[in-house]
């Protein structure tokens, strides 16, 4: 809008730091980066878009929104006068105690002075590590008491690659098996194991299409019939990785699977990094991951 352009113009004239945040949801006025560039005044493009500044996607789902907020805070800290984070930041204790508790301000500030201020010793490289939400769970906080068997379909485009991302994150705690037919899948779930296996269904714009889609549907039918609690739904939301709107699946998915409650459980959304780390945590918790302190979350 006009107010935003006025602010951006004044920021450029005074050569002030700028933190870029993009609304991605078209229902909330969001634009693609192509449209953003098309609508940005030519004189602002070099300052706003061509300096390689990170563009933070604004998320509305709470777990992902925390990442957006943290990235914004990192940008603000990096823009502190003199950019002298090597010494520290003078922080004021929030008057809202609930807000302070939510953001973990108690732990960050520790002792405050008589006017409610405290000095946070930090530096530019570690500032991000000091920003966190109270009770936030990150990938390094999780582990598996026993290895988890995760089954993917040979007919589910991209599922093996997503499983590889989970292995890269959690290591040997997750073991992958590939089922090439419905019969193979049934055999995998019929074999007695130390812990029950899980089936990862990866939803993207290629899911349930063509002959592979027919084979995948047969496998999912078996899961819905006898092993629905072990079915983990994941929805690709990164358009560079073949994402599509979730509503598309009600058109491409066989009707009997939809009517059998395939989508009755909420799918784990997989956004682009760094939001993807939140998705890894959500899947790990569904697989029974434990906090390193030992409790099941």
Protein backbone atom coordinates (compact mmCIF):
# COMPACT_ATOMS: atom_id res chain seq x y z
CA UNK A 1 0.00 0.00 0.00
CA UNK A 2 0.89 3.68 -0.13
CA UNK A 3 1.96 3.75 3.52
CA UNK A 4 4.30 0.81 3.02
CA UNK A 5 5.86 2.42 -0.06
CA UNK A 6 6.31 5.69 1.81
CA UNK A 7 8.10 3.88 4.64
CA UNK A 8 10.31 1.93 2.26
CA UNK A 9 11.20 5.11 0.39
CA UNK A 10 12.14 6.92 3.60
CA UNK A 11 14.20 3.92 4.72
CA UNK A 12 16.12 3.99 1.45
CA UNK A 13 16.69 7.76 1.59
CA UNK A 14 18.13 7.50 5.10
CA UNK A 15 19.93 4.23 4.34
CA UNK A 16 18.35 2.57 7.35
CA UNK A 17 18.33 -1.19 8.00
CA UNK A 18 15.29 -3.04 6.70
CA UNK A 19 13.71 -6.39 7.59
CA UNK A 20 11.68 -7.91 4.77
CA UNK A 21 8.56 -9.96 5.59
CA UNK A 22 6.36 -11.46 2.86
CA UNK A 23 2.72 -12.45 3.13
CA UNK A 24 2.46 -15.72 1.21
CA UNK A 25 -1.26 -16.47 1.66
CA UNK A 26 -3.18 -15.09 -1.34
CA UNK A 27 -6.34 -15.07 0.82
CA UNK A 28 -4.61 -12.49 3.01
CA UNK A 29 -3.33 -10.35 0.15
CA UNK A 30 -0.15 -12.37 -0.38
CA UNK A 31 1.82 -12.20 -3.61
CA UNK A 32 4.37 -14.39 -5.32
CA UNK A 33 7.89 -12.97 -5.47
CA UNK A 34 7.39 -12.43 -9.19
CA UNK A 35 4.35 -10.25 -8.49
CA UNK A 36 6.18 -8.44 -5.69
CA UNK A 37 8.94 -7.48 -8.12
CA UNK A 38 6.42 -6.43 -10.76
CA UNK A 39 4.57 -4.16 -8.33
CA UNK A 40 7.63 -2.71 -6.58
CA UNK A 41 8.54 0.80 -7.86
CA UNK A 42 11.64 0.62 -10.06
CA UNK A 43 13.63 3.01 -7.86
CA UNK A 44 13.08 0.78 -4.80
CA UNK A 45 14.01 -2.56 -6.40
CA UNK A 46 17.81 -2.24 -5.96
CA UNK A 47 17.46 -1.29 -2.28
CA UNK A 48 14.68 -3.70 -1.32
CA UNK A 49 15.00 -6.73 -3.59
CA UNK A 50 18.46 -6.80 -5.17
CA UNK A 51 20.74 -6.76 -2.12
CA UNK A 52 20.31 -10.43 -1.26
CA UNK A 53 18.48 -9.67 1.99
CA UNK A 54 16.55 -12.59 3.48
CA UNK A 55 12.81 -12.39 2.86
CA UNK A 56 10.90 -13.86 5.80
CA UNK A 57 7.68 -15.69 5.01
CA UNK A 58 4.92 -14.77 7.45
CA UNK A 59 3.21 -17.93 8.73
CA UNK A 60 -0.08 -18.09 10.64
CA UNK A 61 -0.02 -21.60 12.08
CA UNK A 62 1.42 -21.16 15.57
CA UNK A 63 4.37 -23.59 15.35
CA UNK A 64 5.56 -22.07 12.07
CA UNK A 65 4.70 -18.51 13.09
CA UNK A 66 7.20 -18.81 15.93
CA UNK A 67 9.92 -19.28 13.32
CA UNK A 68 8.72 -16.16 11.47
CA UNK A 69 8.79 -14.16 14.69
CA UNK A 70 12.25 -15.42 15.61
CA UNK A 71 13.63 -14.52 12.17
CA UNK A 72 12.15 -11.03 12.47
CA UNK A 73 13.72 -10.64 15.91
CA UNK A 74 17.09 -11.78 14.53
CA UNK A 75 16.82 -9.16 11.81
CA UNK A 76 16.03 -6.46 14.36
CA UNK A 77 18.96 -7.49 16.57
CA UNK A 78 21.33 -7.48 13.61
CA UNK A 79 20.17 -3.94 12.81
CA UNK A 80 20.91 -2.58 16.30
CA UNK A 81 22.87 0.72 16.23
CA UNK A 82 26.46 0.04 15.22
CA UNK A 83 25.57 -3.62 14.70
CA UNK A 84 27.74 -4.22 17.76
CA UNK A 85 26.30 -7.51 18.93
CA UNK A 86 29.78 -8.58 19.96
CA UNK A 87 29.22 -6.72 23.22
CA UNK A 88 25.57 -7.28 23.84
CA UNK A 89 22.08 -5.81 23.86
CA UNK A 90 20.36 -3.78 26.58
CA UNK A 91 16.94 -5.36 26.99
CA UNK A 92 13.92 -4.10 28.89
CA UNK A 93 11.81 -6.61 30.80
CA UNK A 94 8.28 -6.73 29.32
CA UNK A 95 5.49 -5.41 31.52
CA UNK A 96 3.33 -8.32 30.32
CA UNK A 97 4.51 -11.25 32.44
CA UNK A 98 2.66 -13.82 30.29
CA UNK A 99 4.47 -12.52 27.19
CA UNK A 100 7.79 -12.65 29.03
CA UNK A 101 7.15 -16.24 30.09
CA UNK A 102 6.11 -17.33 26.60
CA UNK A 103 9.29 -15.99 25.01
CA UNK A 104 11.59 -17.30 27.74
CA UNK A 105 12.61 -13.77 28.76
CA UNK A 106 13.08 -14.84 32.39
CA UNK A 107 15.93 -17.15 31.39
CA UNK A 108 17.46 -14.71 28.91
CA UNK A 109 17.61 -11.64 31.16
CA UNK A 110 18.18 -13.20 34.54
CA UNK A 111 18.81 -10.39 37.05
CA UNK A 112 17.29 -7.04 36.09
CA UNK A 113 18.08 -3.63 37.52
CA UNK A 114 15.74 -1.25 39.32
CA UNK A 115 14.22 0.01 36.06
CA UNK A 116 13.66 -3.46 34.69
CA UNK A 117 16.61 -3.65 32.32
CA UNK A 118 19.38 -6.21 31.89
CA UNK A 119 22.38 -6.67 29.62
CA UNK A 120 22.38 -9.71 27.34
CA UNK A 121 25.96 -10.61 26.42
CA UNK A 122 26.01 -12.00 22.91
CA UNK A 123 27.59 -11.62 19.49
CA UNK A 124 26.35 -11.55 15.93
CA UNK A 125 27.09 -15.22 15.26
CA UNK A 126 25.38 -16.53 18.40
CA UNK A 127 22.52 -14.05 18.72
CA UNK A 128 20.15 -16.37 16.89
CA UNK A 129 20.93 -19.22 19.27
CA UNK A 130 19.83 -17.08 22.21
CA UNK A 131 16.41 -16.42 20.73
CA UNK A 132 13.86 -19.06 21.57
CA UNK A 133 10.34 -19.67 22.81
CA UNK A 134 9.67 -21.18 26.18
CA UNK A 135 8.93 -24.94 25.88
CA UNK A 136 10.02 -24.91 22.23
CA UNK A 137 11.13 -28.34 21.00
CA UNK A 138 13.83 -28.58 18.33
CA UNK A 139 15.19 -31.56 16.41
CA UNK A 140 18.35 -31.96 18.56
CA UNK A 141 16.09 -32.27 21.62
CA UNK A 142 14.52 -35.51 20.35
CA UNK A 143 15.61 -39.12 20.14
CA UNK A 144 14.06 -42.58 19.74
CA UNK A 145 14.32 -45.18 22.51
CA UNK A 146 14.36 -47.91 19.86
CA UNK A 147 14.77 -47.58 16.08
CA UNK A 148 11.52 -46.77 14.30
CA UNK A 149 10.61 -48.60 11.10
CA UNK A 150 9.18 -46.18 8.55
CA UNK A 151 7.67 -47.66 5.38
CA UNK A 152 7.27 -45.67 2.16
CA UNK A 153 5.72 -46.68 -1.14
CA UNK A 154 7.74 -47.14 -4.30
CA UNK A 155 4.74 -45.57 -6.05
CA UNK A 156 4.60 -42.43 -3.91
CA UNK A 157 6.68 -39.85 -5.79
CA UNK A 158 9.19 -38.15 -3.49
CA UNK A 159 8.37 -40.20 -0.38
CA UNK A 160 11.79 -41.86 -0.24
CA UNK A 161 13.46 -38.45 -0.50
CA UNK A 162 11.36 -37.07 2.34
CA UNK A 163 12.24 -40.14 4.42
CA UNK A 164 15.91 -39.44 3.66
CA UNK A 165 15.46 -35.93 5.08
CA UNK A 166 14.17 -37.47 8.31
CA UNK A 167 17.14 -39.85 8.48
CA UNK A 168 19.54 -36.96 7.88
CA UNK A 169 17.89 -35.18 10.81
CA UNK A 170 17.45 -38.03 13.31
CA UNK A 171 20.08 -40.51 12.16
CA UNK A 172 19.78 -44.20 12.95
CA UNK A 173 16.66 -43.63 15.04
CA UNK A 174 14.62 -44.04 11.85
CA UNK A 175 14.99 -47.00 9.49
CA UNK A 176 13.37 -46.93 6.05
CA UNK A 177 11.73 -49.76 4.11
CA UNK A 178 10.23 -49.46 0.62
CA UNK A 179 7.05 -51.35 -0.30
CA UNK A 180 6.62 -52.02 -4.02
CA UNK A 181 3.11 -53.54 -3.82
CA UNK A 182 0.10 -53.86 -1.55
CA UNK A 183 1.07 -57.46 -0.77
CA UNK A 184 4.58 -56.38 0.26
CA UNK A 185 3.10 -53.71 2.50
CA UNK A 186 0.75 -56.20 4.19
CA UNK A 187 3.68 -58.55 4.80
CA UNK A 188 5.73 -55.75 6.37
CA UNK A 189 2.95 -54.95 8.82
CA UNK A 190 2.20 -58.61 9.53
CA UNK A 191 5.78 -59.46 10.53
CA UNK A 192 6.30 -59.38 14.28
CA UNK A 193 8.66 -56.54 15.20
CA UNK A 194 9.97 -54.93 18.37
CA UNK A 195 7.89 -51.84 17.59
CA UNK A 196 5.10 -51.31 15.10
CA UNK A 197 6.09 -49.80 11.76
CA UNK A 198 4.61 -46.60 10.36
CA UNK A 199 3.61 -45.78 6.80
CA UNK A 200 4.55 -42.33 5.49
CA UNK A 201 2.18 -40.98 2.82
CA UNK A 202 3.74 -38.00 1.06
CA UNK A 203 1.13 -35.72 -0.52
CA UNK A 204 2.29 -33.58 -3.44
CA UNK A 205 1.02 -32.68 -6.88
CA UNK A 206 2.07 -36.10 -8.29
CA UNK A 207 0.35 -38.21 -5.63
CA UNK A 208 -2.33 -40.68 -6.86
CA UNK A 209 -1.70 -39.84 -10.53
CA UNK A 210 -1.18 -42.40 -13.33
CA UNK A 211 -0.35 -46.08 -12.86
CA UNK A 212 1.76 -45.29 -9.82
CA UNK A 213 -1.32 -43.68 -8.33
CA UNK A 214 -3.33 -46.88 -8.84
CA UNK A 215 -0.66 -48.93 -7.06
CA UNK A 216 -0.34 -46.38 -4.24
CA UNK A 217 -4.11 -46.32 -3.74
CA UNK A 218 -4.12 -50.12 -3.30
CA UNK A 219 -1.47 -49.79 -0.58
CA UNK A 220 -3.31 -47.00 1.20
CA UNK A 221 -6.49 -49.09 1.12
CA UNK A 222 -4.70 -51.79 3.10
CA UNK A 223 -3.48 -49.22 5.61
CA UNK A 224 -6.95 -47.78 6.12
CA UNK A 225 -8.44 -51.23 6.50
CA UNK A 226 -6.17 -52.60 9.22
CA UNK A 227 -3.48 -50.09 10.21
CA UNK A 228 -4.91 -46.54 10.08
CA UNK A 229 -3.23 -45.39 13.36
CA UNK A 230 0.15 -46.16 11.76
CA UNK A 231 -0.53 -43.91 8.75
CA UNK A 232 1.40 -40.61 8.83
CA UNK A 233 0.21 -37.94 6.38
CA UNK A 234 2.68 -35.34 5.16
CA UNK A 235 1.76 -32.46 2.83
CA UNK A 236 4.43 -30.77 0.72
CA UNK A 237 3.96 -26.99 0.84
CA UNK A 238 7.22 -25.90 -0.83
CA UNK A 239 6.41 -25.15 -4.48
CA UNK A 240 10.01 -25.84 -5.47
CA UNK A 241 9.34 -29.42 -4.35
CA UNK A 242 6.08 -30.00 -6.27
CA UNK A 243 3.64 -28.64 -3.73
CA UNK A 244 -0.04 -28.11 -4.41
CA UNK A 245 -3.05 -26.86 -2.44
CA UNK A 246 -4.46 -29.46 -0.09
CA UNK A 247 -7.89 -29.12 -1.67
CA UNK A 248 -6.51 -30.68 -4.87
CA UNK A 249 -6.27 -34.05 -3.16
CA UNK A 250 -10.05 -34.31 -2.88
CA UNK A 251 -10.07 -34.37 -6.69
CA UNK A 252 -7.08 -36.64 -7.36
CA UNK A 253 -7.59 -39.13 -4.51
CA UNK A 254 -9.90 -42.11 -5.23
CA UNK A 255 -13.31 -41.47 -3.69
CA UNK A 256 -13.30 -44.65 -1.59
CA UNK A 257 -10.13 -43.53 0.18
CA UNK A 258 -11.59 -40.11 0.96
CA UNK A 259 -14.83 -41.69 2.19
CA UNK A 260 -12.83 -44.12 4.35
CA UNK A 261 -11.39 -41.19 6.29
CA UNK A 262 -7.94 -40.86 4.75
CA UNK A 263 -7.95 -37.13 5.43
CA UNK A 264 -9.65 -37.25 8.83
CA UNK A 265 -6.26 -36.70 10.46
CA UNK A 266 -4.37 -33.46 9.91
CA UNK A 267 -1.38 -33.84 7.60
CA UNK A 268 2.00 -32.48 8.71
CA UNK A 269 2.79 -29.47 6.51
CA UNK A 270 6.31 -29.39 5.05
CA UNK A 271 7.28 -25.81 4.23
CA UNK A 272 10.59 -24.54 2.86
CA UNK A 273 13.57 -24.22 5.23
CA UNK A 274 13.93 -23.05 7.94
CA UNK A 275 10.28 -23.85 8.66
CA UNK A 276 10.91 -27.46 7.62
CA UNK A 277 12.61 -28.12 10.97
CA UNK A 278 9.21 -27.68 12.64
CA UNK A 279 7.79 -30.34 10.34
CA UNK A 280 10.57 -32.79 11.25
CA UNK A 281 9.71 -32.31 14.92
CA UNK A 282 5.99 -32.89 14.32
CA UNK A 283 6.62 -36.13 12.41
CA UNK A 284 9.11 -37.33 15.02
CA UNK A 285 6.54 -36.78 17.78
CA UNK A 286 3.97 -38.77 15.80
CA UNK A 287 6.55 -41.56 15.55
CA UNK A 288 6.96 -41.58 19.32
CA UNK A 289 10.14 -39.55 19.76
CA UNK A 290 11.25 -38.80 23.29
CA UNK A 291 12.85 -35.70 24.68
CA UNK A 292 16.49 -36.24 25.54
CA UNK A 293 15.52 -35.81 29.17
CA UNK A 294 13.46 -38.97 28.71
CA UNK A 295 9.82 -37.90 28.63
CA UNK A 296 7.51 -38.76 25.73
CA UNK A 297 6.06 -35.55 24.27
